[in-house]
């Protein structure tokens, strides 16, 4: 490339390297004294710490390998049972949690201490609710661009009496131009959700945004269905985009409000482990939501994925009301 030529880096990772290396160094030097009294293991140095982390990761690798064996056909070394991923996934999670509990020494004792959270019904209630907010945010962040590309990037026309979805749409919006907007809004507004929750109460804010999520999800499903049956799907893009951005904003606010609720429901000993557990489970949204979208797109009914999410959000509304907003709630509007 001639000197002075304007060009773009083809690999954005080079930019992140320059930013992240100083952050890693600062973290290594300035955050090595963070320790929670109730749950932090006694680590004597970085190398023993890395060894213990790698050992725990290896346990997860083994259980994940077992899950893969259950799913694969026999001709590629699998069990041949071809068990559904929706069955295998919880099995792998449960096996991993149980295996970690059996680690000898200080880590095993620390984990047993943390596992007390599983005896608390509010752990499970908040796991479901946090999956609705953070899980939806991270899942839609992956699926948003896919939805724009598949639904609006092609013309949906009848050919010999059969609806086809393979003709490129010259007037379709660019997925790359809009895919970042939703995650950006959701991440930017998250602190606002926490501030509103401090004034109104976390559960009340969660209840409001849950209703907004149901309405906006059904709206997105409606316009997605109309677009996926149209030769000019771009006509439905603006309302689709607006409703999806509202959905992202709601997930961001809800992420902050549910964080506030967890801090209000659990004591200091359990709040940290509960946040870790709920975040880990909710992170599966990055897998489940795009997977469901992909399966429904393959079935030519992408709106059905959103109908399913709306039903899940409705269940979360009921759970949130029952545990934290009804007259005799254990903790009222935490």
C-alpha atoms as a PDB file:
ATOM      1  CA  UNK A   1       0.000   0.000   0.000  1.00  0.00           C
ATOM      2  CA  UNK A   2       1.597   3.348  -1.014  1.00  0.00           C
ATOM      3  CA  UNK A   3       2.510   5.672   1.865  1.00  0.00           C
ATOM      4  CA  UNK A   4      -0.260   8.109   2.754  1.00  0.00           C
ATOM      5  CA  UNK A   5      -3.021   5.972   1.237  1.00  0.00           C
ATOM      6  CA  UNK A   6      -6.264   5.932   3.233  1.00  0.00           C
ATOM      7  CA  UNK A   7      -7.208   2.364   4.025  1.00  0.00           C
ATOM      8  CA  UNK A   8      -8.890   0.235   6.668  1.00  0.00           C
ATOM      9  CA  UNK A   9      -7.400  -2.476   8.842  1.00  0.00           C
ATOM     10  CA  UNK A  10      -8.875  -5.761   7.679  1.00  0.00           C
ATOM     11  CA  UNK A  11      -8.505  -7.265  11.137  1.00  0.00           C
ATOM     12  CA  UNK A  12      -9.903  -5.108  13.944  1.00  0.00           C
ATOM     13  CA  UNK A  13      -8.077  -7.329  16.424  1.00  0.00           C
ATOM     14  CA  UNK A  14      -4.927  -5.258  15.847  1.00  0.00           C
ATOM     15  CA  UNK A  15      -6.730  -2.218  17.261  1.00  0.00           C
ATOM     16  CA  UNK A  16      -7.931  -4.122  20.321  1.00  0.00           C
ATOM     17  CA  UNK A  17      -4.431  -5.420  21.057  1.00  0.00           C
ATOM     18  CA  UNK A  18      -3.163  -1.876  21.620  1.00  0.00           C
ATOM     19  CA  UNK A  19      -6.075  -1.140  23.967  1.00  0.00           C
ATOM     20  CA  UNK A  20      -6.254  -4.411  25.877  1.00  0.00           C
ATOM     21  CA  UNK A  21      -2.563  -4.983  26.661  1.00  0.00           C
ATOM     22  CA  UNK A  22      -2.336  -1.879  28.925  1.00  0.00           C
ATOM     23  CA  UNK A  23      -5.643  -2.871  30.536  1.00  0.00           C
ATOM     24  CA  UNK A  24      -4.346  -6.378  31.262  1.00  0.00           C
ATOM     25  CA  UNK A  25      -1.154  -4.976  32.788  1.00  0.00           C
ATOM     26  CA  UNK A  26      -3.125  -2.516  34.929  1.00  0.00           C
ATOM     27  CA  UNK A  27      -5.454  -5.289  36.059  1.00  0.00           C
ATOM     28  CA  UNK A  28      -2.552  -7.589  36.939  1.00  0.00           C
ATOM     29  CA  UNK A  29      -0.886  -4.895  39.036  1.00  0.00           C
ATOM     30  CA  UNK A  30      -3.856  -3.065  40.527  1.00  0.00           C
ATOM     31  CA  UNK A  31      -6.555  -5.705  41.065  1.00  0.00           C
ATOM     32  CA  UNK A  32      -4.606  -8.548  42.640  1.00  0.00           C
ATOM     33  CA  UNK A  33      -5.835  -7.646  46.120  1.00  0.00           C
ATOM     34  CA  UNK A  34      -9.560  -8.059  45.469  1.00  0.00           C
ATOM     35  CA  UNK A  35     -10.844 -10.718  47.810  1.00  0.00           C
ATOM     36  CA  UNK A  36     -14.302 -11.563  49.122  1.00  0.00           C
ATOM     37  CA  UNK A  37     -14.225 -12.867  52.666  1.00  0.00           C
ATOM     38  CA  UNK A  38     -16.737 -15.652  52.141  1.00  0.00           C
ATOM     39  CA  UNK A  39     -15.889 -17.128  48.760  1.00  0.00           C
ATOM     40  CA  UNK A  40     -12.315 -16.335  47.661  1.00  0.00           C
ATOM     41  CA  UNK A  41      -9.954 -19.348  47.696  1.00  0.00           C
ATOM     42  CA  UNK A  42      -6.503 -19.000  49.234  1.00  0.00           C
ATOM     43  CA  UNK A  43      -4.250 -18.526  46.205  1.00  0.00           C
ATOM     44  CA  UNK A  44      -0.522 -18.267  46.917  1.00  0.00           C
ATOM     45  CA  UNK A  45       0.521 -16.864  43.551  1.00  0.00           C
ATOM     46  CA  UNK A  46      -0.362 -16.526  39.852  1.00  0.00           C
ATOM     47  CA  UNK A  47       0.986 -19.907  38.736  1.00  0.00           C
ATOM     48  CA  UNK A  48      -0.990 -21.954  41.308  1.00  0.00           C
ATOM     49  CA  UNK A  49      -4.021 -19.838  40.449  1.00  0.00           C
ATOM     50  CA  UNK A  50      -3.666 -20.581  36.726  1.00  0.00           C
ATOM     51  CA  UNK A  51      -3.184 -24.267  37.479  1.00  0.00           C
ATOM     52  CA  UNK A  52      -6.389 -24.407  39.492  1.00  0.00           C
ATOM     53  CA  UNK A  53      -8.310 -22.504  36.823  1.00  0.00           C
ATOM     54  CA  UNK A  54      -7.048 -24.848  34.100  1.00  0.00           C
ATOM     55  CA  UNK A  55      -8.060 -27.836  36.212  1.00  0.00           C
ATOM     56  CA  UNK A  56     -11.588 -26.496  36.577  1.00  0.00           C
ATOM     57  CA  UNK A  57     -11.760 -25.744  32.852  1.00  0.00           C
ATOM     58  CA  UNK A  58     -10.636 -29.294  32.128  1.00  0.00           C
ATOM     59  CA  UNK A  59     -13.623 -30.609  34.096  1.00  0.00           C
ATOM     60  CA  UNK A  60     -15.901 -28.518  31.895  1.00  0.00           C
ATOM     61  CA  UNK A  61     -14.105 -29.831  28.812  1.00  0.00           C
ATOM     62  CA  UNK A  62     -14.699 -33.434  29.907  1.00  0.00           C
ATOM     63  CA  UNK A  63     -18.421 -32.929  30.589  1.00  0.00           C
ATOM     64  CA  UNK A  64     -18.846 -31.032  27.312  1.00  0.00           C
ATOM     65  CA  UNK A  65     -17.128 -33.893  25.474  1.00  0.00           C
ATOM     66  CA  UNK A  66     -19.554 -36.320  27.083  1.00  0.00           C
ATOM     67  CA  UNK A  67     -22.455 -34.147  25.938  1.00  0.00           C
ATOM     68  CA  UNK A  68     -21.081 -34.111  22.408  1.00  0.00           C
ATOM     69  CA  UNK A  69     -20.778 -37.914  22.491  1.00  0.00           C
ATOM     70  CA  UNK A  70     -24.461 -38.174  23.427  1.00  0.00           C
ATOM     71  CA  UNK A  71     -25.453 -36.011  20.464  1.00  0.00           C
ATOM     72  CA  UNK A  72     -23.282 -37.409  17.657  1.00  0.00           C
ATOM     73  CA  UNK A  73     -24.054 -40.401  15.405  1.00  0.00           C
ATOM     74  CA  UNK A  74     -22.010 -43.569  15.787  1.00  0.00           C
ATOM     75  CA  UNK A  75     -20.266 -43.212  12.412  1.00  0.00           C
ATOM     76  CA  UNK A  76     -18.275 -40.228  13.728  1.00  0.00           C
ATOM     77  CA  UNK A  77     -17.504 -41.707  17.141  1.00  0.00           C
ATOM     78  CA  UNK A  78     -20.663 -40.668  18.938  1.00  0.00           C
ATOM     79  CA  UNK A  79     -23.080 -42.758  20.961  1.00  0.00           C
ATOM     80  CA  UNK A  80     -25.512 -43.067  18.072  1.00  0.00           C
ATOM     81  CA  UNK A  81     -28.362 -42.043  20.360  1.00  0.00           C
ATOM     82  CA  UNK A  82     -28.592 -38.590  18.716  1.00  0.00           C
ATOM     83  CA  UNK A  83     -30.054 -37.025  21.851  1.00  0.00           C
ATOM     84  CA  UNK A  84     -31.459 -33.517  21.372  1.00  0.00           C
ATOM     85  CA  UNK A  85     -29.203 -30.630  22.343  1.00  0.00           C
ATOM     86  CA  UNK A  86     -32.013 -29.234  24.492  1.00  0.00           C
ATOM     87  CA  UNK A  87     -31.752 -32.382  26.644  1.00  0.00           C
ATOM     88  CA  UNK A  88     -27.957 -32.636  26.572  1.00  0.00           C
ATOM     89  CA  UNK A  89     -27.318 -29.012  27.538  1.00  0.00           C
ATOM     90  CA  UNK A  90     -28.877 -29.161  31.043  1.00  0.00           C
ATOM     91  CA  UNK A  91     -27.265 -32.575  31.600  1.00  0.00           C
ATOM     92  CA  UNK A  92     -23.825 -31.103  30.873  1.00  0.00           C
ATOM     93  CA  UNK A  93     -24.464 -28.119  33.155  1.00  0.00           C
ATOM     94  CA  UNK A  94     -25.603 -30.323  36.044  1.00  0.00           C
ATOM     95  CA  UNK A  95     -22.682 -32.737  35.632  1.00  0.00           C
ATOM     96  CA  UNK A  96     -20.210 -29.848  35.547  1.00  0.00           C
ATOM     97  CA  UNK A  97     -21.633 -28.288  38.702  1.00  0.00           C
ATOM     98  CA  UNK A  98     -21.555 -31.635  40.542  1.00  0.00           C
ATOM     99  CA  UNK A  99     -18.034 -32.459  39.358  1.00  0.00           C
ATOM    100  CA  UNK A 100     -16.710 -29.081  40.486  1.00  0.00           C
ATOM    101  CA  UNK A 101     -18.221 -29.693  43.904  1.00  0.00           C
ATOM    102  CA  UNK A 102     -16.084 -32.807  44.327  1.00  0.00           C
ATOM    103  CA  UNK A 103     -12.743 -31.025  43.820  1.00  0.00           C
ATOM    104  CA  UNK A 104     -10.581 -31.736  46.887  1.00  0.00           C
ATOM    105  CA  UNK A 105      -8.925 -29.046  48.957  1.00  0.00           C
ATOM    106  CA  UNK A 106      -9.727 -25.374  49.467  1.00  0.00           C
ATOM    107  CA  UNK A 107     -11.462 -24.866  46.110  1.00  0.00           C
ATOM    108  CA  UNK A 108     -13.881 -27.698  46.755  1.00  0.00           C
ATOM    109  CA  UNK A 109     -14.635 -26.331  50.222  1.00  0.00           C
ATOM    110  CA  UNK A 110     -15.152 -22.840  48.794  1.00  0.00           C
ATOM    111  CA  UNK A 111     -17.490 -24.167  46.108  1.00  0.00           C
ATOM    112  CA  UNK A 112     -19.490 -26.162  48.645  1.00  0.00           C
ATOM    113  CA  UNK A 113     -19.899 -22.931  50.573  1.00  0.00           C
ATOM    114  CA  UNK A 114     -21.094 -21.132  47.435  1.00  0.00           C
ATOM    115  CA  UNK A 115     -23.426 -23.961  46.453  1.00  0.00           C
ATOM    116  CA  UNK A 116     -25.652 -23.087  49.397  1.00  0.00           C
ATOM    117  CA  UNK A 117     -27.324 -20.679  46.987  1.00  0.00           C
ATOM    118  CA  UNK A 118     -29.003 -23.620  45.231  1.00  0.00           C
ATOM    119  CA  UNK A 119     -31.091 -24.299  48.331  1.00  0.00           C
ATOM    120  CA  UNK A 120     -32.578 -20.826  48.073  1.00  0.00           C
ATOM    121  CA  UNK A 121     -35.698 -20.576  45.896  1.00  0.00           C
ATOM    122  CA  UNK A 122     -34.840 -16.971  45.045  1.00  0.00           C
ATOM    123  CA  UNK A 123     -31.708 -18.171  43.273  1.00  0.00           C
ATOM    124  CA  UNK A 124     -33.876 -19.995  40.769  1.00  0.00           C
ATOM    125  CA  UNK A 125     -36.389 -17.165  40.457  1.00  0.00           C
ATOM    126  CA  UNK A 126     -33.649 -14.631  39.738  1.00  0.00           C
ATOM    127  CA  UNK A 127     -31.927 -17.032  37.344  1.00  0.00           C
ATOM    128  CA  UNK A 128     -35.049 -17.084  35.183  1.00  0.00           C
ATOM    129  CA  UNK A 129     -35.581 -13.323  35.427  1.00  0.00           C
ATOM    130  CA  UNK A 130     -31.937 -12.469  34.725  1.00  0.00           C
ATOM    131  CA  UNK A 131     -32.009 -14.794  31.734  1.00  0.00           C
ATOM    132  CA  UNK A 132     -34.910 -12.706  30.422  1.00  0.00           C
ATOM    133  CA  UNK A 133     -32.899  -9.473  30.646  1.00  0.00           C
ATOM    134  CA  UNK A 134     -29.194 -10.206  30.190  1.00  0.00           C
ATOM    135  CA  UNK A 135     -29.800 -13.429  28.269  1.00  0.00           C
ATOM    136  CA  UNK A 136     -32.085 -11.643  25.815  1.00  0.00           C
ATOM    137  CA  UNK A 137     -29.617  -8.792  25.417  1.00  0.00           C
ATOM    138  CA  UNK A 138     -26.653 -11.000  24.596  1.00  0.00           C
ATOM    139  CA  UNK A 139     -28.748 -13.336  22.435  1.00  0.00           C
ATOM    140  CA  UNK A 140     -30.393 -10.585  20.394  1.00  0.00           C
ATOM    141  CA  UNK A 141     -26.990  -8.928  19.983  1.00  0.00           C
ATOM    142  CA  UNK A 142     -25.992 -12.004  17.980  1.00  0.00           C
ATOM    143  CA  UNK A 143     -29.325 -12.562  16.219  1.00  0.00           C
ATOM    144  CA  UNK A 144     -30.161  -8.956  15.288  1.00  0.00           C
ATOM    145  CA  UNK A 145     -27.800  -8.766  12.320  1.00  0.00           C
ATOM    146  CA  UNK A 146     -28.862 -12.226  11.168  1.00  0.00           C
ATOM    147  CA  UNK A 147     -32.522 -11.198  11.205  1.00  0.00           C
ATOM    148  CA  UNK A 148     -31.818  -8.056   9.172  1.00  0.00           C
ATOM    149  CA  UNK A 149     -29.790  -9.964   6.593  1.00  0.00           C
ATOM    150  CA  UNK A 150     -32.157 -12.911   6.142  1.00  0.00           C
ATOM    151  CA  UNK A 151     -35.499 -11.119   6.357  1.00  0.00           C
ATOM    152  CA  UNK A 152     -34.713  -7.826   4.623  1.00  0.00           C
ATOM    153  CA  UNK A 153     -31.675  -8.723   2.519  1.00  0.00           C
ATOM    154  CA  UNK A 154     -33.679 -10.969   0.194  1.00  0.00           C
ATOM    155  CA  UNK A 155     -36.880 -10.677  -1.796  1.00  0.00           C
ATOM    156  CA  UNK A 156     -39.529 -13.191  -0.827  1.00  0.00           C
ATOM    157  CA  UNK A 157     -41.328 -14.064  -4.034  1.00  0.00           C
ATOM    158  CA  UNK A 158     -43.445 -16.871  -5.453  1.00  0.00           C
ATOM    159  CA  UNK A 159     -41.765 -19.040  -8.092  1.00  0.00           C
ATOM    160  CA  UNK A 160     -43.917 -21.744  -9.677  1.00  0.00           C
ATOM    161  CA  UNK A 161     -46.305 -21.556  -6.756  1.00  0.00           C
ATOM    162  CA  UNK A 162     -43.552 -21.878  -4.133  1.00  0.00           C
ATOM    163  CA  UNK A 163     -42.413 -19.037  -1.858  1.00  0.00           C
ATOM    164  CA  UNK A 164     -38.660 -18.516  -2.248  1.00  0.00           C
ATOM    165  CA  UNK A 165     -36.263 -16.538  -0.067  1.00  0.00           C
ATOM    166  CA  UNK A 166     -33.060 -16.602  -2.120  1.00  0.00           C
ATOM    167  CA  UNK A 167     -33.379 -13.592  -4.449  1.00  0.00           C
ATOM    168  CA  UNK A 168     -31.082 -10.769  -3.252  1.00  0.00           C
ATOM    169  CA  UNK A 169     -32.915  -7.550  -2.446  1.00  0.00           C
ATOM    170  CA  UNK A 170     -31.084  -4.617  -4.093  1.00  0.00           C
ATOM    171  CA  UNK A 171     -32.988  -2.158  -1.890  1.00  0.00           C
ATOM    172  CA  UNK A 172     -32.471  -4.049   1.347  1.00  0.00           C
ATOM    173  CA  UNK A 173     -30.765  -2.421   4.351  1.00  0.00           C
ATOM    174  CA  UNK A 174     -27.196  -3.320   5.220  1.00  0.00           C
ATOM    175  CA  UNK A 175     -26.986  -5.620   8.223  1.00  0.00           C
ATOM    176  CA  UNK A 176     -23.521  -4.253   9.045  1.00  0.00           C
ATOM    177  CA  UNK A 177     -24.853  -0.708   9.159  1.00  0.00           C
ATOM    178  CA  UNK A 178     -27.539  -1.441  11.759  1.00  0.00           C
ATOM    179  CA  UNK A 179     -26.438  -4.576  13.642  1.00  0.00           C
ATOM    180  CA  UNK A 180     -24.352  -2.617  16.174  1.00  0.00           C
ATOM    181  CA  UNK A 181     -27.094  -0.137  17.110  1.00  0.00           C
ATOM    182  CA  UNK A 182     -29.152  -2.482  19.285  1.00  0.00           C
ATOM    183  CA  UNK A 183     -26.296  -3.797  21.459  1.00  0.00           C
ATOM    184  CA  UNK A 184     -24.930  -0.255  21.740  1.00  0.00           C
ATOM    185  CA  UNK A 185     -28.229   1.103  23.063  1.00  0.00           C
ATOM    186  CA  UNK A 186     -28.695  -1.831  25.434  1.00  0.00           C
ATOM    187  CA  UNK A 187     -25.196  -1.470  26.895  1.00  0.00           C
ATOM    188  CA  UNK A 188     -25.377   2.327  27.093  1.00  0.00           C
ATOM    189  CA  UNK A 189     -28.694   2.398  28.942  1.00  0.00           C
ATOM    190  CA  UNK A 190     -27.856  -0.295  31.492  1.00  0.00           C
ATOM    191  CA  UNK A 191     -26.611   2.155  34.171  1.00  0.00           C
ATOM    192  CA  UNK A 192     -29.829   4.117  33.697  1.00  0.00           C
ATOM    193  CA  UNK A 193     -31.765   0.987  34.643  1.00  0.00           C
ATOM    194  CA  UNK A 194     -29.800   0.767  37.873  1.00  0.00           C
ATOM    195  CA  UNK A 195     -30.447   4.418  38.727  1.00  0.00           C
ATOM    196  CA  UNK A 196     -34.174   4.103  38.045  1.00  0.00           C
ATOM    197  CA  UNK A 197     -34.287   0.928  40.135  1.00  0.00           C
ATOM    198  CA  UNK A 198     -32.641   2.763  43.041  1.00  0.00           C
ATOM    199  CA  UNK A 199     -35.555   5.211  43.042  1.00  0.00           C
ATOM    200  CA  UNK A 200     -38.509   2.959  42.115  1.00  0.00           C
ATOM    201  CA  UNK A 201     -37.340  -0.460  43.281  1.00  0.00           C
ATOM    202  CA  UNK A 202     -35.759  -3.135  41.128  1.00  0.00           C
ATOM    203  CA  UNK A 203     -38.726  -5.499  40.889  1.00  0.00           C
ATOM    204  CA  UNK A 204     -41.134  -2.752  39.816  1.00  0.00           C
ATOM    205  CA  UNK A 205     -38.779  -1.586  37.066  1.00  0.00           C
ATOM    206  CA  UNK A 206     -38.287  -5.189  35.954  1.00  0.00           C
ATOM    207  CA  UNK A 207     -42.059  -5.664  35.792  1.00  0.00           C
ATOM    208  CA  UNK A 208     -42.520  -2.598  33.598  1.00  0.00           C
ATOM    209  CA  UNK A 209     -39.735  -3.445  31.189  1.00  0.00           C
ATOM    210  CA  UNK A 210     -40.943  -7.060  30.994  1.00  0.00           C
ATOM    211  CA  UNK A 211     -44.311  -5.840  29.727  1.00  0.00           C
ATOM    212  CA  UNK A 212     -42.510  -3.590  27.233  1.00  0.00           C
ATOM    213  CA  UNK A 213     -40.440  -6.571  26.096  1.00  0.00           C
ATOM    214  CA  UNK A 214     -43.559  -8.666  25.481  1.00  0.00           C
ATOM    215  CA  UNK A 215     -45.229  -5.907  23.451  1.00  0.00           C
ATOM    216  CA  UNK A 216     -42.130  -5.012  21.425  1.00  0.00           C
ATOM    217  CA  UNK A 217     -41.324  -8.682  20.769  1.00  0.00           C
ATOM    218  CA  UNK A 218     -44.811  -9.296  19.407  1.00  0.00           C
ATOM    219  CA  UNK A 219     -44.485  -6.137  17.301  1.00  0.00           C
ATOM    220  CA  UNK A 220     -41.154  -7.287  15.871  1.00  0.00           C
ATOM    221  CA  UNK A 221     -42.716 -10.682  15.120  1.00  0.00           C
ATOM    222  CA  UNK A 222     -45.614  -9.023  13.273  1.00  0.00           C
ATOM    223  CA  UNK A 223     -43.414  -6.918  10.987  1.00  0.00           C
ATOM    224  CA  UNK A 224     -40.951  -9.750  10.509  1.00  0.00           C
ATOM    225  CA  UNK A 225     -43.782 -12.004   9.345  1.00  0.00           C
ATOM    226  CA  UNK A 226     -45.048  -9.342   6.932  1.00  0.00           C
ATOM    227  CA  UNK A 227     -41.549  -8.718   5.563  1.00  0.00           C
ATOM    228  CA  UNK A 228     -40.761 -12.421   5.143  1.00  0.00           C
ATOM    229  CA  UNK A 229     -43.747 -12.776   2.832  1.00  0.00           C
ATOM    230  CA  UNK A 230     -43.080  -9.651   0.761  1.00  0.00           C
ATOM    231  CA  UNK A 231     -41.148  -8.964  -2.429  1.00  0.00           C
ATOM    232  CA  UNK A 232     -40.326  -5.533  -0.957  1.00  0.00           C
ATOM    233  CA  UNK A 233     -39.483  -6.320   2.686  1.00  0.00           C
ATOM    234  CA  UNK A 234     -37.692  -2.994   3.147  1.00  0.00           C
ATOM    235  CA  UNK A 235     -41.118  -1.361   3.488  1.00  0.00           C
ATOM    236  CA  UNK A 236     -41.399  -2.916   6.942  1.00  0.00           C
ATOM    237  CA  UNK A 237     -37.842  -2.243   8.077  1.00  0.00           C
ATOM    238  CA  UNK A 238     -38.341   1.056   9.922  1.00  0.00           C
ATOM    239  CA  UNK A 239     -41.025  -0.194  12.359  1.00  0.00           C
ATOM    240  CA  UNK A 240     -39.058  -3.438  12.747  1.00  0.00           C
ATOM    241  CA  UNK A 241     -35.914  -1.485  13.627  1.00  0.00           C
ATOM    242  CA  UNK A 242     -37.661   0.875  16.058  1.00  0.00           C
ATOM    243  CA  UNK A 243     -39.357  -1.959  17.935  1.00  0.00           C
ATOM    244  CA  UNK A 244     -36.145  -3.979  18.087  1.00  0.00           C
ATOM    245  CA  UNK A 245     -34.248  -0.991  19.488  1.00  0.00           C
ATOM    246  CA  UNK A 246     -36.977  -0.546  22.114  1.00  0.00           C
ATOM    247  CA  UNK A 247     -36.528  -4.229  22.940  1.00  0.00           C
ATOM    248  CA  UNK A 248     -32.773  -3.731  23.331  1.00  0.00           C
ATOM    249  CA  UNK A 249     -33.310  -0.690  25.546  1.00  0.00           C
ATOM    250  CA  UNK A 250     -35.704  -2.677  27.727  1.00  0.00           C
ATOM    251  CA  UNK A 251     -33.178  -5.493  28.148  1.00  0.00           C
ATOM    252  CA  UNK A 252     -30.507  -2.974  29.138  1.00  0.00           C
ATOM    253  CA  UNK A 253     -32.714  -1.296  31.745  1.00  0.00           C
ATOM    254  CA  UNK A 254     -33.847  -4.694  33.005  1.00  0.00           C
ATOM    255  CA  UNK A 255     -30.246  -5.813  33.313  1.00  0.00           C
ATOM    256  CA  UNK A 256     -29.633  -2.962  35.739  1.00  0.00           C
ATOM    257  CA  UNK A 257     -32.880  -3.457  37.676  1.00  0.00           C
ATOM    258  CA  UNK A 258     -32.414  -7.207  38.171  1.00  0.00           C
ATOM    259  CA  UNK A 259     -28.885  -6.549  39.413  1.00  0.00           C
ATOM    260  CA  UNK A 260     -30.433  -4.251  42.024  1.00  0.00           C
ATOM    261  CA  UNK A 261     -32.980  -6.915  42.992  1.00  0.00           C
ATOM    262  CA  UNK A 262     -30.295  -9.550  43.563  1.00  0.00           C
ATOM    263  CA  UNK A 263     -28.396  -7.162  45.836  1.00  0.00           C
ATOM    264  CA  UNK A 264     -31.606  -6.560  47.811  1.00  0.00           C
ATOM    265  CA  UNK A 265     -32.704 -10.184  48.152  1.00  0.00           C
ATOM    266  CA  UNK A 266     -29.432 -11.919  49.058  1.00  0.00           C
ATOM    267  CA  UNK A 267     -26.966 -11.237  51.842  1.00  0.00           C
ATOM    268  CA  UNK A 268     -23.322 -10.371  51.146  1.00  0.00           C
ATOM    269  CA  UNK A 269     -22.252 -13.991  51.415  1.00  0.00           C
ATOM    270  CA  UNK A 270     -24.649 -15.179  48.710  1.00  0.00           C
ATOM    271  CA  UNK A 271     -25.027 -12.122  46.454  1.00  0.00           C
ATOM    272  CA  UNK A 272     -21.691 -12.670  44.665  1.00  0.00           C
ATOM    273  CA  UNK A 273     -22.171 -16.378  43.909  1.00  0.00           C
ATOM    274  CA  UNK A 274     -25.773 -15.730  42.823  1.00  0.00           C
ATOM    275  CA  UNK A 275     -24.648 -13.023  40.403  1.00  0.00           C
ATOM    276  CA  UNK A 276     -22.012 -15.372  39.014  1.00  0.00           C
ATOM    277  CA  UNK A 277     -24.480 -18.230  38.612  1.00  0.00           C
ATOM    278  CA  UNK A 278     -27.277 -16.160  37.066  1.00  0.00           C
ATOM    279  CA  UNK A 279     -24.842 -14.493  34.659  1.00  0.00           C
ATOM    280  CA  UNK A 280     -23.420 -17.851  33.597  1.00  0.00           C
ATOM    281  CA  UNK A 281     -26.865 -19.298  32.892  1.00  0.00           C
ATOM    282  CA  UNK A 282     -28.082 -16.133  31.167  1.00  0.00           C
ATOM    283  CA  UNK A 283     -25.014 -16.176  28.916  1.00  0.00           C
ATOM    284  CA  UNK A 284     -26.507 -19.225  27.221  1.00  0.00           C
ATOM    285  CA  UNK A 285     -28.828 -16.714  25.573  1.00  0.00           C
ATOM    286  CA  UNK A 286     -25.973 -16.056  23.146  1.00  0.00           C
ATOM    287  CA  UNK A 287     -26.395 -19.656  21.989  1.00  0.00           C
ATOM    288  CA  UNK A 288     -30.111 -20.308  22.419  1.00  0.00           C
ATOM    289  CA  UNK A 289     -31.608 -17.204  20.788  1.00  0.00           C
ATOM    290  CA  UNK A 290     -29.551 -17.339  17.534  1.00  0.00           C
ATOM    291  CA  UNK A 291     -30.058 -21.119  17.424  1.00  0.00           C
ATOM    292  CA  UNK A 292     -33.830 -20.804  17.727  1.00  0.00           C
ATOM    293  CA  UNK A 293     -33.840 -17.993  15.163  1.00  0.00           C
ATOM    294  CA  UNK A 294     -31.800 -20.107  12.753  1.00  0.00           C
ATOM    295  CA  UNK A 295     -34.082 -23.118  13.126  1.00  0.00           C
ATOM    296  CA  UNK A 296     -37.207 -21.038  12.581  1.00  0.00           C
ATOM    297  CA  UNK A 297     -35.695 -19.258   9.590  1.00  0.00           C
ATOM    298  CA  UNK A 298     -34.926 -22.669   8.118  1.00  0.00           C
ATOM    299  CA  UNK A 299     -38.580 -23.572   8.704  1.00  0.00           C
ATOM    300  CA  UNK A 300     -39.568 -20.258   6.987  1.00  0.00           C
ATOM    301  CA  UNK A 301     -41.346 -19.073  10.154  1.00  0.00           C
ATOM    302  CA  UNK A 302     -38.883 -16.690  11.885  1.00  0.00           C
ATOM    303  CA  UNK A 303     -41.718 -14.959  13.733  1.00  0.00           C
ATOM    304  CA  UNK A 304     -42.364 -18.144  15.727  1.00  0.00           C
ATOM    305  CA  UNK A 305     -39.064 -17.656  17.556  1.00  0.00           C
ATOM    306  CA  UNK A 306     -40.270 -14.297  18.811  1.00  0.00           C
ATOM    307  CA  UNK A 307     -43.642 -15.712  19.828  1.00  0.00           C
ATOM    308  CA  UNK A 308     -41.765 -18.204  21.985  1.00  0.00           C
ATOM    309  CA  UNK A 309     -39.663 -15.456  23.563  1.00  0.00           C
ATOM    310  CA  UNK A 310     -42.806 -13.428  24.298  1.00  0.00           C
ATOM    311  CA  UNK A 311     -44.308 -16.425  26.114  1.00  0.00           C
ATOM    312  CA  UNK A 312     -41.120 -16.777  28.173  1.00  0.00           C
ATOM    313  CA  UNK A 313     -41.225 -13.079  29.086  1.00  0.00           C
ATOM    314  CA  UNK A 314     -44.835 -13.477  30.199  1.00  0.00           C
ATOM    315  CA  UNK A 315     -43.787 -16.310  32.512  1.00  0.00           C
ATOM    316  CA  UNK A 316     -41.065 -14.029  33.907  1.00  0.00           C
ATOM    317  CA  UNK A 317     -43.672 -11.343  34.613  1.00  0.00           C
ATOM    318  CA  UNK A 318     -45.636 -13.836  36.711  1.00  0.00           C
ATOM    319  CA  UNK A 319     -42.516 -15.043  38.546  1.00  0.00           C
ATOM    320  CA  UNK A 320     -41.385 -11.494  39.298  1.00  0.00           C
ATOM    321  CA  UNK A 321     -44.839 -10.548  40.621  1.00  0.00           C
ATOM    322  CA  UNK A 322     -45.187 -13.692  42.731  1.00  0.00           C
ATOM    323  CA  UNK A 323     -41.810 -13.427  44.441  1.00  0.00           C
ATOM    324  CA  UNK A 324     -41.307  -9.662  44.736  1.00  0.00           C
ATOM    325  CA  UNK A 325     -44.463  -7.626  44.070  1.00  0.00           C
ATOM    326  CA  UNK A 326     -47.486  -9.474  45.494  1.00  0.00           C
ATOM    327  CA  UNK A 327     -48.839  -8.287  48.869  1.00  0.00           C
ATOM    328  CA  UNK A 328     -47.153 -11.036  50.941  1.00  0.00           C
ATOM    329  CA  UNK A 329     -43.853 -11.106  49.039  1.00  0.00           C
ATOM    330  CA  UNK A 330     -40.726 -12.272  50.882  1.00  0.00           C
ATOM    331  CA  UNK A 331     -38.996  -8.986  50.015  1.00  0.00           C
ATOM    332  CA  UNK A 332     -41.287  -6.296  48.621  1.00  0.00           C
ATOM    333  CA  UNK A 333     -39.942  -4.606  45.496  1.00  0.00           C
ATOM    334  CA  UNK A 334     -36.216  -5.151  46.159  1.00  0.00           C
END
